Amino acid sequence: MKVIAIISAVVFVAALASIAVYVAGLRDYSDQVYRWHADPGSVAANRLVRGAKLDAINANLHLLIAAVNQSDNDPESFRTPSAAEPTNPPKLKLISLASGVATVEVINAEHLTQRMGSTGANTFMAEATFTLTEHRDVQSVDFRFEEGDHAVPGLYARQDFLDRWKPVKE
């Protein structure tokens, strides 16, 4: 009898959580439908696919950054302590938006520049650039981090990735 009561309570709580997400309009930013994402295995070319729900958030730069980060938590919460091994993936933190340029700090940049390889770093920066330039006031992204073997900081626009990626709509 207790087992049935516990199972019923768990199902009830899960249903309430699902309803709360629907009513509050909360989004699961780990879902790639809110960002541009790579499809490197396509036959014709490496495809960069536009998420189907980008229009729901593209007016808000902070939500676009949450989509790139795959979380709406404060980006600082992902920062790897300096004494620890840099195993946490890179995250973006907005520094400023001016004259069509979104300036972002890359948190956990060592993971981007030293551990993802050149393809992984290029993929991350292409996905981030395409996602952030969905905002009407952003034409390019200035990535701030210490240069490493696989990624170089600086100003990037969509055209910087067109030699490697073919943008397509989902």
N, C-alpha and C. Protein backbone atom coordinates (compact mmCIF):
# COMPACT_ATOMS: atom_id res chain seq x y z
N MET A 1 0.82 -1.19 0.00
CA MET A 1 0.00 0.00 0.00
C MET A 1 0.87 1.27 0.00
N LYS A 2 1.96 1.25 0.79
CA LYS A 2 2.85 2.40 0.84
C LYS A 2 3.52 2.62 -0.52
N VAL A 3 3.87 1.52 -1.19
CA VAL A 3 4.52 1.62 -2.49
C VAL A 3 3.59 2.29 -3.49
N ILE A 4 2.32 1.92 -3.47
CA ILE A 4 1.35 2.53 -4.39
C ILE A 4 1.19 4.01 -4.07
N ALA A 5 1.15 4.36 -2.80
CA ALA A 5 1.02 5.77 -2.40
C ALA A 5 2.25 6.57 -2.84
N ILE A 6 3.43 5.99 -2.72
CA ILE A 6 4.66 6.69 -3.13
C ILE A 6 4.68 6.86 -4.64
N ILE A 7 4.33 5.81 -5.36
CA ILE A 7 4.30 5.90 -6.83
C ILE A 7 3.29 6.95 -7.28
N SER A 8 2.12 6.95 -6.65
CA SER A 8 1.09 7.94 -6.99
C SER A 8 1.58 9.35 -6.72
N ALA A 9 2.26 9.53 -5.60
CA ALA A 9 2.78 10.86 -5.26
C ALA A 9 3.83 11.31 -6.26
N VAL A 10 4.71 10.40 -6.68
CA VAL A 10 5.74 10.74 -7.66
C VAL A 10 5.11 11.12 -8.99
N VAL A 11 4.13 10.36 -9.44
CA VAL A 11 3.45 10.66 -10.70
C VAL A 11 2.73 12.00 -10.60
N PHE A 12 2.10 12.27 -9.47
CA PHE A 12 1.39 13.53 -9.27
C PHE A 12 2.36 14.72 -9.32
N VAL A 13 3.49 14.59 -8.63
CA VAL A 13 4.49 15.67 -8.62
C VAL A 13 5.05 15.89 -10.03
N ALA A 14 5.33 14.82 -10.75
CA ALA A 14 5.84 14.94 -12.12
C ALA A 14 4.81 15.63 -13.01
N ALA A 15 3.55 15.31 -12.84
CA ALA A 15 2.50 15.95 -13.63
C ALA A 15 2.42 17.44 -13.30
N LEU A 16 2.51 17.77 -12.02
CA LEU A 16 2.48 19.18 -11.62
C LEU A 16 3.66 19.94 -12.21
N ALA A 17 4.83 19.34 -12.20
CA ALA A 17 6.02 19.99 -12.76
C ALA A 17 5.84 20.23 -14.25
N SER A 18 5.28 19.26 -14.93
CA SER A 18 5.04 19.40 -16.37
C SER A 18 4.05 20.52 -16.65
N ILE A 19 3.01 20.60 -15.85
CA ILE A 19 2.02 21.67 -16.01
C ILE A 19 2.66 23.02 -15.70
N ALA A 20 3.48 23.10 -14.68
CA ALA A 20 4.15 24.35 -14.30
C ALA A 20 5.04 24.84 -15.43
N VAL A 21 5.77 23.95 -16.07
CA VAL A 21 6.63 24.33 -17.19
C VAL A 21 5.78 24.88 -18.32
N TYR A 22 4.66 24.24 -18.61
CA TYR A 22 3.78 24.69 -19.69
C TYR A 22 3.18 26.06 -19.38
N VAL A 23 2.63 26.21 -18.17
CA VAL A 23 1.97 27.45 -17.78
C VAL A 23 2.97 28.61 -17.69
N ALA A 24 4.11 28.37 -17.09
CA ALA A 24 5.10 29.43 -16.91
C ALA A 24 5.86 29.74 -18.19
N GLY A 25 5.73 28.89 -19.19
CA GLY A 25 6.45 29.12 -20.43
C GLY A 25 7.94 28.85 -20.31
N LEU A 26 8.34 28.05 -19.33
CA LEU A 26 9.75 27.75 -19.15
C LEU A 26 10.26 26.94 -20.33
N ARG A 27 11.50 27.12 -20.64
CA ARG A 27 12.10 26.43 -21.78
C ARG A 27 13.24 25.55 -21.31
N ASP A 28 13.43 24.47 -22.00
CA ASP A 28 14.55 23.59 -21.74
C ASP A 28 15.65 23.98 -22.72
N TYR A 29 16.59 24.80 -22.26
CA TYR A 29 17.61 25.33 -23.14
C TYR A 29 18.66 24.29 -23.56
N SER A 30 18.59 23.11 -23.00
CA SER A 30 19.47 22.05 -23.48
C SER A 30 18.94 21.47 -24.80
N ASP A 31 17.70 21.81 -25.14
CA ASP A 31 17.09 21.36 -26.39
C ASP A 31 17.61 22.21 -27.55
N GLN A 32 18.15 21.56 -28.56
CA GLN A 32 18.75 22.29 -29.68
C GLN A 32 17.76 23.06 -30.54
N VAL A 33 16.47 22.94 -30.27
CA VAL A 33 15.49 23.70 -31.06
C VAL A 33 15.57 25.20 -30.78
N TYR A 34 16.30 25.60 -29.73
CA TYR A 34 16.44 27.02 -29.37
C TYR A 34 17.76 27.63 -29.86
N ARG A 35 18.52 26.90 -30.68
CA ARG A 35 19.81 27.43 -31.13
C ARG A 35 20.18 26.80 -32.48
N TRP A 36 21.15 27.41 -33.12
CA TRP A 36 21.76 26.78 -34.28
C TRP A 36 22.60 25.63 -33.77
N HIS A 37 22.59 24.50 -34.48
CA HIS A 37 23.37 23.35 -34.04
C HIS A 37 23.95 22.62 -35.24
N ALA A 38 25.08 22.00 -35.02
CA ALA A 38 25.82 21.33 -36.09
C ALA A 38 25.20 19.99 -36.42
N ASP A 39 25.24 19.68 -37.71
CA ASP A 39 24.90 18.35 -38.22
C ASP A 39 26.04 17.95 -39.15
N PRO A 40 27.20 17.62 -38.56
CA PRO A 40 28.40 17.40 -39.37
C PRO A 40 28.37 16.13 -40.22
N GLY A 41 27.43 15.24 -39.95
CA GLY A 41 27.40 13.98 -40.67
C GLY A 41 26.61 13.98 -41.95
N SER A 42 26.07 15.13 -42.35
CA SER A 42 25.26 15.16 -43.56
C SER A 42 26.13 14.90 -44.79
N VAL A 43 25.53 14.35 -45.83
CA VAL A 43 26.27 13.90 -47.01
C VAL A 43 26.84 15.07 -47.81
N ALA A 44 26.03 16.08 -48.11
CA ALA A 44 26.45 17.17 -49.00
C ALA A 44 27.50 18.08 -48.38
N ALA A 45 27.34 18.42 -47.13
CA ALA A 45 28.26 19.36 -46.47
C ALA A 45 27.99 19.31 -44.98
N ASN A 46 28.88 19.93 -44.22
CA ASN A 46 28.60 20.09 -42.80
C ASN A 46 27.48 21.10 -42.67
N ARG A 47 26.37 20.64 -42.16
CA ARG A 47 25.20 21.52 -42.05
C ARG A 47 25.15 22.16 -40.67
N LEU A 48 24.76 23.43 -40.65
CA LEU A 48 24.47 24.14 -39.42
C LEU A 48 22.96 24.40 -39.47
N VAL A 49 22.24 23.77 -38.56
CA VAL A 49 20.79 23.73 -38.62
C VAL A 49 20.19 24.76 -37.67
N ARG A 50 19.26 25.57 -38.20
CA ARG A 50 18.57 26.57 -37.38
C ARG A 50 17.49 25.88 -36.57
N GLY A 51 17.55 26.07 -35.25
CA GLY A 51 16.55 25.47 -34.37
C GLY A 51 15.15 25.99 -34.67
N ALA A 52 14.18 25.10 -34.62
CA ALA A 52 12.80 25.41 -35.00
C ALA A 52 12.14 26.44 -34.08
N LYS A 53 12.61 26.58 -32.85
CA LYS A 53 11.98 27.50 -31.90
C LYS A 53 12.80 28.76 -31.63
N LEU A 54 13.77 29.05 -32.49
CA LEU A 54 14.59 30.25 -32.30
C LEU A 54 13.76 31.52 -32.34
N ASP A 55 12.73 31.56 -33.15
CA ASP A 55 11.90 32.76 -33.23
C ASP A 55 11.25 33.11 -31.89
N ALA A 56 11.07 32.12 -31.03
CA ALA A 56 10.44 32.36 -29.73
C ALA A 56 11.35 33.14 -28.78
N ILE A 57 12.66 33.16 -29.05
CA ILE A 57 13.59 33.81 -28.11
C ILE A 57 14.51 34.81 -28.77
N ASN A 58 14.48 34.98 -30.10
CA ASN A 58 15.51 35.78 -30.76
C ASN A 58 15.44 37.28 -30.51
N ALA A 59 14.43 37.75 -29.82
CA ALA A 59 14.37 39.17 -29.46
C ALA A 59 15.09 39.46 -28.15
N ASN A 60 15.57 38.42 -27.47
CA ASN A 60 16.20 38.58 -26.16
C ASN A 60 17.59 37.96 -26.19
N LEU A 61 18.61 38.79 -26.17
CA LEU A 61 19.99 38.32 -26.26
C LEU A 61 20.36 37.41 -25.09
N HIS A 62 19.84 37.68 -23.92
CA HIS A 62 20.15 36.84 -22.75
C HIS A 62 19.59 35.43 -22.93
N LEU A 63 18.42 35.31 -23.55
CA LEU A 63 17.86 33.99 -23.81
C LEU A 63 18.65 33.26 -24.89
N LEU A 64 19.15 33.99 -25.87
CA LEU A 64 19.98 33.36 -26.89
C LEU A 64 21.27 32.82 -26.28
N ILE A 65 21.84 33.56 -25.34
CA ILE A 65 23.04 33.09 -24.64
C ILE A 65 22.70 31.86 -23.80
N ALA A 66 21.54 31.86 -23.16
CA ALA A 66 21.11 30.68 -22.40
C ALA A 66 20.99 29.47 -23.33
N ALA A 67 20.52 29.69 -24.55
CA ALA A 67 20.41 28.59 -25.51
C ALA A 67 21.78 28.06 -25.90
N VAL A 68 22.74 28.96 -26.15
CA VAL A 68 24.11 28.52 -26.46
C VAL A 68 24.69 27.77 -25.27
N ASN A 69 24.47 28.28 -24.08
CA ASN A 69 24.99 27.65 -22.86
C ASN A 69 24.24 26.38 -22.49
N GLN A 70 23.10 26.17 -23.12
CA GLN A 70 22.23 25.03 -22.85
C GLN A 70 21.76 25.02 -21.40
N SER A 71 21.60 26.23 -20.84
CA SER A 71 21.14 26.39 -19.46
C SER A 71 20.82 27.86 -19.23
N ASP A 72 19.80 28.12 -18.41
CA ASP A 72 19.52 29.51 -18.06
C ASP A 72 20.14 29.89 -16.72
N ASN A 73 21.02 29.04 -16.20
CA ASN A 73 21.77 29.37 -14.99
C ASN A 73 22.79 30.47 -15.30
N ASP A 74 23.20 31.18 -14.27
CA ASP A 74 24.24 32.19 -14.40
C ASP A 74 25.50 31.54 -14.96
N PRO A 75 26.06 32.08 -16.05
CA PRO A 75 27.26 31.47 -16.63
C PRO A 75 28.42 31.32 -15.64
N GLU A 76 28.50 32.21 -14.67
CA GLU A 76 29.57 32.12 -13.67
C GLU A 76 29.48 30.82 -12.87
N SER A 77 28.28 30.26 -12.76
CA SER A 77 28.12 29.03 -11.99
C SER A 77 28.81 27.84 -12.66
N PHE A 78 29.21 27.99 -13.91
CA PHE A 78 29.88 26.92 -14.64
C PHE A 78 31.40 27.07 -14.65
N ARG A 79 31.89 28.17 -14.12
CA ARG A 79 33.33 28.44 -14.16
C ARG A 79 34.09 27.37 -13.38
N THR A 80 35.07 26.76 -14.03
CA THR A 80 35.91 25.77 -13.38
C THR A 80 36.88 26.48 -12.45
N PRO A 81 36.99 26.05 -11.20
CA PRO A 81 37.97 26.67 -10.29
C PRO A 81 39.38 26.57 -10.89
N SER A 82 40.19 27.57 -10.64
CA SER A 82 41.51 27.65 -11.26
C SER A 82 42.40 26.46 -10.93
N ALA A 83 42.23 25.85 -9.78
CA ALA A 83 43.06 24.71 -9.40
C ALA A 83 42.56 23.39 -9.98
N ALA A 84 41.37 23.40 -10.56
CA ALA A 84 40.77 22.15 -11.06
C ALA A 84 41.12 21.92 -12.53
N GLU A 85 40.98 20.69 -12.94
CA GLU A 85 41.17 20.29 -14.34
C GLU A 85 40.03 20.89 -15.16
N PRO A 86 40.32 21.52 -16.31
CA PRO A 86 39.28 22.20 -17.08
C PRO A 86 38.43 21.24 -17.91
N THR A 87 37.53 20.53 -17.24
CA THR A 87 36.69 19.57 -17.93
C THR A 87 35.30 20.11 -18.26
N ASN A 88 34.93 21.24 -17.67
CA ASN A 88 33.61 21.82 -17.95
C ASN A 88 33.62 22.46 -19.33
N PRO A 89 32.54 22.26 -20.10
CA PRO A 89 32.50 22.84 -21.45
C PRO A 89 32.42 24.37 -21.41
N PRO A 90 32.77 25.01 -22.52
CA PRO A 90 32.73 26.47 -22.55
C PRO A 90 31.31 27.01 -22.45
N LYS A 91 31.18 28.16 -21.82
CA LYS A 91 29.91 28.87 -21.68
C LYS A 91 30.18 30.34 -22.02
N LEU A 92 29.14 31.04 -22.42
CA LEU A 92 29.27 32.46 -22.76
C LEU A 92 28.67 33.34 -21.69
N LYS A 93 29.31 34.48 -21.48
CA LYS A 93 28.80 35.51 -20.57
C LYS A 93 28.82 36.83 -21.34
N LEU A 94 27.67 37.48 -21.42
CA LEU A 94 27.57 38.74 -22.14
C LEU A 94 28.31 39.84 -21.39
N ILE A 95 29.21 40.51 -22.11
CA ILE A 95 29.91 41.67 -21.54
C ILE A 95 29.23 42.95 -21.98
N SER A 96 28.93 43.05 -23.29
CA SER A 96 28.28 44.27 -23.78
C SER A 96 27.66 44.02 -25.15
N LEU A 97 26.80 44.95 -25.54
CA LEU A 97 26.23 44.99 -26.87
C LEU A 97 26.32 46.44 -27.33
N ALA A 98 27.09 46.68 -28.40
CA ALA A 98 27.26 48.04 -28.91
C ALA A 98 27.60 47.98 -30.39
N SER A 99 26.99 48.85 -31.17
CA SER A 99 27.30 49.01 -32.59
C SER A 99 27.23 47.69 -33.36
N GLY A 100 26.26 46.86 -33.03
CA GLY A 100 26.07 45.60 -33.74
C GLY A 100 26.97 44.47 -33.30
N VAL A 101 27.76 44.69 -32.24
CA VAL A 101 28.70 43.67 -31.77
C VAL A 101 28.31 43.22 -30.36
N ALA A 102 28.07 41.92 -30.23
CA ALA A 102 27.88 41.33 -28.90
C ALA A 102 29.25 40.86 -28.43
N THR A 103 29.73 41.43 -27.35
CA THR A 103 31.01 41.03 -26.79
C THR A 103 30.74 40.04 -25.66
N VAL A 104 31.38 38.86 -25.77
CA VAL A 104 31.14 37.81 -24.79
C VAL A 104 32.45 37.29 -24.25
N GLU A 105 32.45 36.96 -22.98
CA GLU A 105 33.57 36.25 -22.37
C GLU A 105 33.28 34.76 -22.50
N VAL A 106 34.28 34.00 -22.88
CA VAL A 106 34.14 32.55 -22.91
C VAL A 106 34.64 32.01 -21.57
N ILE A 107 33.72 31.49 -20.80
CA ILE A 107 34.05 30.86 -19.52
C ILE A 107 34.50 29.43 -19.81
N ASN A 108 35.52 28.99 -19.13
CA ASN A 108 36.12 27.67 -19.37
C ASN A 108 36.74 27.62 -20.77
N ALA A 109 37.40 28.70 -21.14
CA ALA A 109 37.99 28.81 -22.47
C ALA A 109 39.08 27.78 -22.72
N GLU A 110 39.76 27.34 -21.69
CA GLU A 110 40.80 26.34 -21.91
C GLU A 110 40.20 25.06 -22.48
N HIS A 111 38.99 24.73 -22.08
CA HIS A 111 38.33 23.56 -22.65
C HIS A 111 38.11 23.78 -24.16
N LEU A 112 37.70 24.99 -24.53
CA LEU A 112 37.49 25.34 -25.94
C LEU A 112 38.80 25.29 -26.72
N THR A 113 39.84 25.88 -26.18
CA THR A 113 41.07 26.07 -26.94
C THR A 113 42.02 24.87 -26.90
N GLN A 114 41.89 24.00 -25.91
CA GLN A 114 42.86 22.93 -25.74
C GLN A 114 42.26 21.51 -25.74
N ARG A 115 40.96 21.38 -25.52
CA ARG A 115 40.41 20.04 -25.31
C ARG A 115 39.36 19.61 -26.32
N MET A 116 38.81 20.53 -27.08
CA MET A 116 37.74 20.19 -28.01
C MET A 116 38.27 19.87 -29.41
N GLY A 117 39.53 20.15 -29.64
CA GLY A 117 40.08 19.99 -30.98
C GLY A 117 39.63 21.14 -31.87
N SER A 118 40.23 21.23 -33.03
CA SER A 118 39.91 22.34 -33.94
C SER A 118 38.47 22.26 -34.44
N THR A 119 38.01 21.05 -34.74
CA THR A 119 36.63 20.89 -35.23
C THR A 119 35.63 21.25 -34.14
N GLY A 120 35.86 20.78 -32.92
CA GLY A 120 34.95 21.09 -31.82
C GLY A 120 34.90 22.58 -31.51
N ALA A 121 36.05 23.22 -31.52
CA ALA A 121 36.11 24.66 -31.25
C ALA A 121 35.41 25.44 -32.35
N ASN A 122 35.65 25.07 -33.62
CA ASN A 122 35.00 25.75 -34.73
C ASN A 122 33.49 25.56 -34.67
N THR A 123 33.06 24.37 -34.32
CA THR A 123 31.63 24.08 -34.19
C THR A 123 31.00 24.95 -33.12
N PHE A 124 31.63 25.01 -31.94
CA PHE A 124 31.09 25.82 -30.85
C PHE A 124 30.98 27.29 -31.27
N MET A 125 32.02 27.81 -31.87
CA MET A 125 32.02 29.23 -32.23
C MET A 125 31.04 29.52 -33.37
N ALA A 126 30.88 28.60 -34.31
CA ALA A 126 29.90 28.78 -35.39
C ALA A 126 28.48 28.75 -34.82
N GLU A 127 28.19 27.76 -33.98
CA GLU A 127 26.85 27.67 -33.37
C GLU A 127 26.55 28.93 -32.56
N ALA A 128 27.52 29.39 -31.78
CA ALA A 128 27.32 30.58 -30.96
C ALA A 128 27.12 31.82 -31.82
N THR A 129 27.94 31.98 -32.84
CA THR A 129 27.84 33.16 -33.71
C THR A 129 26.50 33.19 -34.43
N PHE A 130 26.10 32.08 -35.02
CA PHE A 130 24.82 32.05 -35.73
C PHE A 130 23.66 32.27 -34.77
N THR A 131 23.73 31.69 -33.58
CA THR A 131 22.64 31.86 -32.61
C THR A 131 22.54 33.31 -32.14
N LEU A 132 23.66 33.92 -31.75
CA LEU A 132 23.60 35.29 -31.23
C LEU A 132 23.25 36.30 -32.30
N THR A 133 23.64 36.05 -33.55
CA THR A 133 23.29 36.99 -34.63
C THR A 133 21.84 36.83 -35.08
N GLU A 134 21.09 35.96 -34.44
CA GLU A 134 19.64 35.92 -34.64
C GLU A 134 19.00 37.20 -34.07
N HIS A 135 19.64 37.79 -33.06
CA HIS A 135 19.11 39.02 -32.46
C HIS A 135 19.24 40.16 -33.46
N ARG A 136 18.21 40.97 -33.56
CA ARG A 136 18.18 42.04 -34.59
C ARG A 136 19.30 43.06 -34.45
N ASP A 137 19.87 43.22 -33.26
CA ASP A 137 20.91 44.22 -33.04
C ASP A 137 22.33 43.64 -33.08
N VAL A 138 22.46 42.36 -33.42
CA VAL A 138 23.78 41.72 -33.40
C VAL A 138 24.15 41.27 -34.82
N GLN A 139 25.23 41.82 -35.33
CA GLN A 139 25.74 41.40 -36.64
C GLN A 139 27.01 40.55 -36.49
N SER A 140 27.70 40.70 -35.37
CA SER A 140 28.91 39.91 -35.14
C SER A 140 29.11 39.71 -33.65
N VAL A 141 30.00 38.77 -33.34
CA VAL A 141 30.28 38.41 -31.95
C VAL A 141 31.78 38.54 -31.70
N ASP A 142 32.13 39.26 -30.65
CA ASP A 142 33.52 39.41 -30.24
C ASP A 142 33.76 38.46 -29.08
N PHE A 143 34.46 37.36 -29.38
CA PHE A 143 34.76 36.35 -28.37
C PHE A 143 36.02 36.76 -27.62
N ARG A 144 35.93 36.81 -26.29
CA ARG A 144 37.07 37.18 -25.45
C ARG A 144 37.54 35.96 -24.66
N PHE A 145 38.76 35.56 -24.91
CA PHE A 145 39.40 34.47 -24.19
C PHE A 145 40.87 34.46 -24.57
N GLU A 146 41.64 33.69 -23.82
CA GLU A 146 43.07 33.56 -24.12
C GLU A 146 43.24 32.57 -25.27
N GLU A 147 43.97 32.99 -26.29
CA GLU A 147 44.19 32.15 -27.47
C GLU A 147 44.84 30.83 -27.09
N GLY A 148 44.42 29.78 -27.78
CA GLY A 148 44.99 28.45 -27.55
C GLY A 148 45.26 27.77 -28.88
N ASP A 149 45.51 26.48 -28.82
CA ASP A 149 45.87 25.71 -30.01
C ASP A 149 44.72 25.59 -31.02
N HIS A 150 43.48 25.59 -30.54
CA HIS A 150 42.35 25.26 -31.42
C HIS A 150 41.36 26.40 -31.64
N ALA A 151 41.54 27.51 -31.00
CA ALA A 151 40.60 28.63 -31.17
C ALA A 151 41.32 29.95 -30.94
N VAL A 152 40.89 30.96 -31.70
CA VAL A 152 41.48 32.29 -31.64
C VAL A 152 40.37 33.27 -31.27
N PRO A 153 40.61 34.13 -30.28
CA PRO A 153 39.59 35.12 -29.92
C PRO A 153 39.44 36.16 -31.02
N GLY A 154 38.39 36.96 -30.92
CA GLY A 154 38.21 38.05 -31.87
C GLY A 154 36.79 38.16 -32.36
N LEU A 155 36.64 38.96 -33.39
CA LEU A 155 35.34 39.30 -33.96
C LEU A 155 34.97 38.31 -35.05
N TYR A 156 33.79 37.71 -34.93
CA TYR A 156 33.31 36.73 -35.90
C TYR A 156 31.89 37.09 -36.34
N ALA A 157 31.64 36.88 -37.63
CA ALA A 157 30.31 37.05 -38.21
C ALA A 157 29.95 35.75 -38.92
N ARG A 158 28.72 35.64 -39.35
CA ARG A 158 28.28 34.40 -40.02
C ARG A 158 29.16 34.04 -41.21
N GLN A 159 29.53 35.04 -42.00
CA GLN A 159 30.30 34.74 -43.21
C GLN A 159 31.66 34.09 -42.91
N ASP A 160 32.16 34.25 -41.69
CA ASP A 160 33.44 33.64 -41.32
C ASP A 160 33.37 32.11 -41.26
N PHE A 161 32.16 31.57 -41.24
CA PHE A 161 32.00 30.12 -41.10
C PHE A 161 31.43 29.46 -42.36
N LEU A 162 31.12 30.24 -43.38
CA LEU A 162 30.44 29.69 -44.55
C LEU A 162 31.33 28.80 -45.41
N ASP A 163 32.64 28.87 -45.24
CA ASP A 163 33.51 27.97 -46.00
C ASP A 163 33.45 26.54 -45.45
N ARG A 164 33.00 26.39 -44.22
CA ARG A 164 32.94 25.07 -43.59
C ARG A 164 31.51 24.59 -43.34
N TRP A 165 30.59 25.52 -43.11
CA TRP A 165 29.23 25.15 -42.71
C TRP A 165 28.21 25.64 -43.73
N LYS A 166 27.19 24.82 -43.96
CA LYS A 166 26.08 25.19 -44.82
C LYS A 166 24.87 25.41 -43.91
N PRO A 167 24.42 26.68 -43.75
CA PRO A 167 23.26 26.94 -42.89
C PRO A 167 21.96 26.47 -43.54
N VAL A 168 21.14 25.78 -42.78
CA VAL A 168 19.83 25.30 -43.26
C VAL A 168 18.80 25.49 -42.13
N LYS A 169 17.53 25.60 -42.55
CA LYS A 169 16.45 25.71 -41.57
C LYS A 169 15.94 24.32 -41.24
N GLU A 170 15.58 24.13 -39.97
CA GLU A 170 15.06 22.83 -39.51
C GLU A 170 13.67 22.60 -40.03
